């Protein structure tokens, strides 16, 4: 019984990179195209003050916005 569970666990663990790769895919060109709408108000500037993407200054800086709490 324990050998069966260990085998199933090993197979699942070995297949994990296949799922992770498909999850992390993205289209950078499409993202840049979408950001053009946001650029009129927002910019992306890192913590040191370097401009990653110049834009407007009326909206908040979007650097590191992923996984932040809203509001």
N, C-alpha and C. Protein backbone atom coordinates (compact mmCIF):
# COMPACT_ATOMS: atom_id res chain seq x y z
N UNK A 1 0.82 -1.20 0.00
CA UNK A 1 0.00 0.00 0.00
C UNK A 1 0.86 1.25 0.00
N UNK A 2 1.86 1.32 0.87
CA UNK A 2 2.72 2.50 0.94
C UNK A 2 3.51 2.70 -0.34
N UNK A 3 3.92 1.59 -0.98
CA UNK A 3 4.67 1.68 -2.23
C UNK A 3 3.79 2.26 -3.34
N UNK A 4 2.52 1.90 -3.34
CA UNK A 4 1.60 2.41 -4.35
C UNK A 4 1.42 3.92 -4.18
N UNK A 5 1.24 4.37 -2.96
CA UNK A 5 1.08 5.80 -2.69
C UNK A 5 2.34 6.56 -3.06
N UNK A 6 3.50 5.99 -2.73
CA UNK A 6 4.76 6.64 -3.08
C UNK A 6 4.94 6.73 -4.59
N UNK A 7 4.52 5.70 -5.32
CA UNK A 7 4.63 5.71 -6.78
C UNK A 7 3.73 6.78 -7.39
N UNK A 8 2.51 6.85 -6.91
CA UNK A 8 1.57 7.86 -7.42
C UNK A 8 2.08 9.26 -7.12
N UNK A 9 2.60 9.46 -5.92
CA UNK A 9 3.16 10.75 -5.54
C UNK A 9 4.33 11.13 -6.45
N UNK A 10 5.22 10.17 -6.74
CA UNK A 10 6.38 10.44 -7.59
C UNK A 10 5.94 10.81 -9.01
N UNK A 11 4.93 10.13 -9.52
CA UNK A 11 4.44 10.44 -10.87
C UNK A 11 3.84 11.85 -10.91
N UNK A 12 3.04 12.18 -9.92
CA UNK A 12 2.43 13.52 -9.87
C UNK A 12 3.49 14.60 -9.71
N UNK A 13 4.47 14.34 -8.89
CA UNK A 13 5.54 15.31 -8.68
C UNK A 13 6.35 15.50 -9.96
N UNK A 14 6.57 14.44 -10.70
CA UNK A 14 7.30 14.54 -11.96
C UNK A 14 6.53 15.29 -13.04
N UNK A 15 5.20 15.24 -12.99
CA UNK A 15 4.38 15.92 -13.99
C UNK A 15 4.13 17.38 -13.66
N UNK A 16 4.48 17.82 -12.48
CA UNK A 16 4.23 19.20 -12.05
C UNK A 16 4.81 20.25 -13.00
N UNK A 17 6.05 20.12 -13.49
CA UNK A 17 6.58 21.14 -14.41
C UNK A 17 5.74 21.30 -15.68
N UNK A 18 5.07 20.25 -16.12
CA UNK A 18 4.23 20.36 -17.31
C UNK A 18 3.06 21.31 -17.06
N UNK A 19 2.45 21.23 -15.89
CA UNK A 19 1.35 22.12 -15.55
C UNK A 19 1.85 23.54 -15.30
N UNK A 20 2.97 23.68 -14.66
CA UNK A 20 3.50 25.00 -14.32
C UNK A 20 3.84 25.79 -15.58
N UNK A 21 4.40 25.14 -16.58
CA UNK A 21 4.79 25.83 -17.80
C UNK A 21 3.58 26.39 -18.53
N UNK A 22 2.51 25.63 -18.61
CA UNK A 22 1.33 26.12 -19.31
C UNK A 22 0.66 27.26 -18.55
N UNK A 23 0.78 27.27 -17.24
CA UNK A 23 0.17 28.32 -16.43
C UNK A 23 0.91 29.65 -16.58
N UNK A 24 2.22 29.61 -16.78
CA UNK A 24 3.03 30.82 -16.80
C UNK A 24 3.13 31.46 -18.18
N UNK A 25 2.42 30.96 -19.15
CA UNK A 25 2.54 31.52 -20.48
C UNK A 25 1.79 32.85 -20.57
N UNK A 26 2.24 33.70 -21.46
CA UNK A 26 1.62 35.00 -21.65
C UNK A 26 2.04 35.59 -22.98
N UNK A 27 1.39 36.64 -23.38
CA UNK A 27 1.68 37.31 -24.65
C UNK A 27 2.10 38.74 -24.34
N UNK A 28 3.40 39.00 -24.37
CA UNK A 28 3.93 40.32 -24.02
C UNK A 28 3.45 41.40 -24.98
N UNK A 29 3.36 41.07 -26.26
CA UNK A 29 2.91 42.07 -27.24
C UNK A 29 1.46 42.47 -26.97
N UNK A 30 0.63 41.50 -26.64
CA UNK A 30 -0.77 41.82 -26.32
C UNK A 30 -0.85 42.66 -25.05
N UNK A 31 0.01 42.37 -24.08
CA UNK A 31 0.04 43.16 -22.85
C UNK A 31 0.43 44.60 -23.09
N UNK A 32 1.42 44.81 -23.96
CA UNK A 32 1.83 46.18 -24.30
C UNK A 32 0.69 46.92 -25.00
N UNK A 33 -0.02 46.22 -25.86
CA UNK A 33 -1.13 46.85 -26.57
C UNK A 33 -2.24 47.26 -25.60
N UNK A 34 -2.54 46.40 -24.64
CA UNK A 34 -3.57 46.71 -23.65
C UNK A 34 -3.12 47.87 -22.76
N UNK A 35 -1.83 47.92 -22.41
CA UNK A 35 -1.33 48.96 -21.52
C UNK A 35 -1.39 50.35 -22.16
N UNK A 36 -1.45 50.43 -23.47
CA UNK A 36 -1.53 51.74 -24.13
C UNK A 36 -2.74 52.54 -23.65
N UNK A 37 -3.82 51.84 -23.32
CA UNK A 37 -5.02 52.51 -22.79
C UNK A 37 -4.75 53.08 -21.40
N UNK A 38 -3.98 52.37 -20.61
CA UNK A 38 -3.71 52.76 -19.22
C UNK A 38 -2.62 53.84 -19.14
N UNK A 39 -1.78 53.88 -20.17
CA UNK A 39 -0.60 54.74 -20.18
C UNK A 39 -0.93 56.23 -20.08
N UNK A 40 -2.11 56.62 -20.49
CA UNK A 40 -2.45 58.04 -20.42
C UNK A 40 -2.51 58.54 -18.98
N UNK A 41 -2.80 57.66 -18.04
CA UNK A 41 -2.87 58.07 -16.63
C UNK A 41 -1.79 57.43 -15.76
N UNK A 42 -1.36 56.23 -16.10
CA UNK A 42 -0.46 55.45 -15.24
C UNK A 42 0.94 55.34 -15.82
N UNK A 43 1.88 55.09 -14.94
CA UNK A 43 3.26 54.81 -15.32
C UNK A 43 3.71 53.58 -14.55
N UNK A 44 4.85 53.03 -14.94
CA UNK A 44 5.47 51.94 -14.19
C UNK A 44 6.87 52.40 -13.84
N UNK A 45 7.10 52.63 -12.57
CA UNK A 45 8.37 53.15 -12.07
C UNK A 45 8.80 52.30 -10.88
N UNK A 46 10.04 51.75 -10.94
CA UNK A 46 10.48 50.87 -9.85
C UNK A 46 10.76 51.64 -8.57
N UNK A 47 11.11 50.92 -7.51
CA UNK A 47 11.32 51.52 -6.19
C UNK A 47 12.47 52.52 -6.16
N UNK A 48 13.41 52.40 -7.09
CA UNK A 48 14.56 53.31 -7.14
C UNK A 48 14.28 54.55 -7.98
N UNK A 49 13.09 54.65 -8.56
CA UNK A 49 12.73 55.81 -9.35
C UNK A 49 13.04 55.69 -10.83
N UNK A 50 13.47 54.52 -11.29
CA UNK A 50 13.75 54.31 -12.71
C UNK A 50 12.44 54.05 -13.46
N UNK A 51 12.25 54.76 -14.57
CA UNK A 51 11.04 54.57 -15.37
C UNK A 51 11.16 53.28 -16.17
N UNK A 52 10.25 52.37 -15.95
CA UNK A 52 10.17 51.15 -16.74
C UNK A 52 9.27 51.43 -17.94
N UNK A 53 8.18 52.13 -17.70
CA UNK A 53 7.27 52.56 -18.76
C UNK A 53 6.78 53.96 -18.42
N UNK A 54 7.13 54.91 -19.27
CA UNK A 54 6.68 56.28 -19.02
C UNK A 54 5.21 56.39 -19.34
N UNK A 55 4.55 57.28 -18.64
CA UNK A 55 3.13 57.48 -18.86
C UNK A 55 2.66 58.69 -18.09
N UNK A 56 1.38 58.77 -17.88
CA UNK A 56 0.80 59.88 -17.14
C UNK A 56 1.14 59.81 -15.66
N UNK A 57 0.86 60.88 -14.96
CA UNK A 57 1.17 60.93 -13.53
C UNK A 57 -0.08 61.13 -12.68
N UNK A 58 -1.26 61.08 -13.31
CA UNK A 58 -2.48 61.27 -12.52
C UNK A 58 -2.91 60.00 -11.81
N UNK A 59 -2.65 58.85 -12.41
CA UNK A 59 -3.00 57.56 -11.79
C UNK A 59 -1.83 57.03 -10.98
N UNK A 60 -2.08 56.06 -10.12
CA UNK A 60 -1.01 55.51 -9.30
C UNK A 60 0.00 54.72 -10.12
N UNK A 61 1.20 54.60 -9.56
CA UNK A 61 2.25 53.80 -10.16
C UNK A 61 1.81 52.33 -10.15
N UNK A 62 1.99 51.64 -11.27
CA UNK A 62 1.55 50.25 -11.37
C UNK A 62 2.66 49.24 -11.12
N UNK A 63 3.81 49.69 -10.65
CA UNK A 63 4.92 48.77 -10.37
C UNK A 63 4.57 47.86 -9.19
N UNK A 64 4.68 46.58 -9.38
CA UNK A 64 4.43 45.62 -8.31
C UNK A 64 2.97 45.50 -7.91
N UNK A 65 2.07 45.84 -8.80
CA UNK A 65 0.65 45.83 -8.45
C UNK A 65 0.08 44.42 -8.34
N UNK A 66 0.72 43.47 -8.98
CA UNK A 66 0.23 42.09 -8.95
C UNK A 66 0.28 41.55 -7.52
N UNK A 67 -0.79 40.96 -7.07
CA UNK A 67 -0.96 40.37 -5.73
C UNK A 67 -1.04 41.40 -4.61
N UNK A 68 -1.29 42.66 -4.92
CA UNK A 68 -1.52 43.65 -3.86
C UNK A 68 -2.99 43.66 -3.47
N UNK A 69 -3.27 44.09 -2.27
CA UNK A 69 -4.65 44.19 -1.80
C UNK A 69 -5.31 45.41 -2.43
N UNK A 70 -6.52 45.24 -2.93
CA UNK A 70 -7.25 46.34 -3.56
C UNK A 70 -7.78 47.31 -2.52
N UNK A 71 -7.84 48.56 -2.91
CA UNK A 71 -8.47 49.57 -2.08
C UNK A 71 -7.55 50.15 -1.09
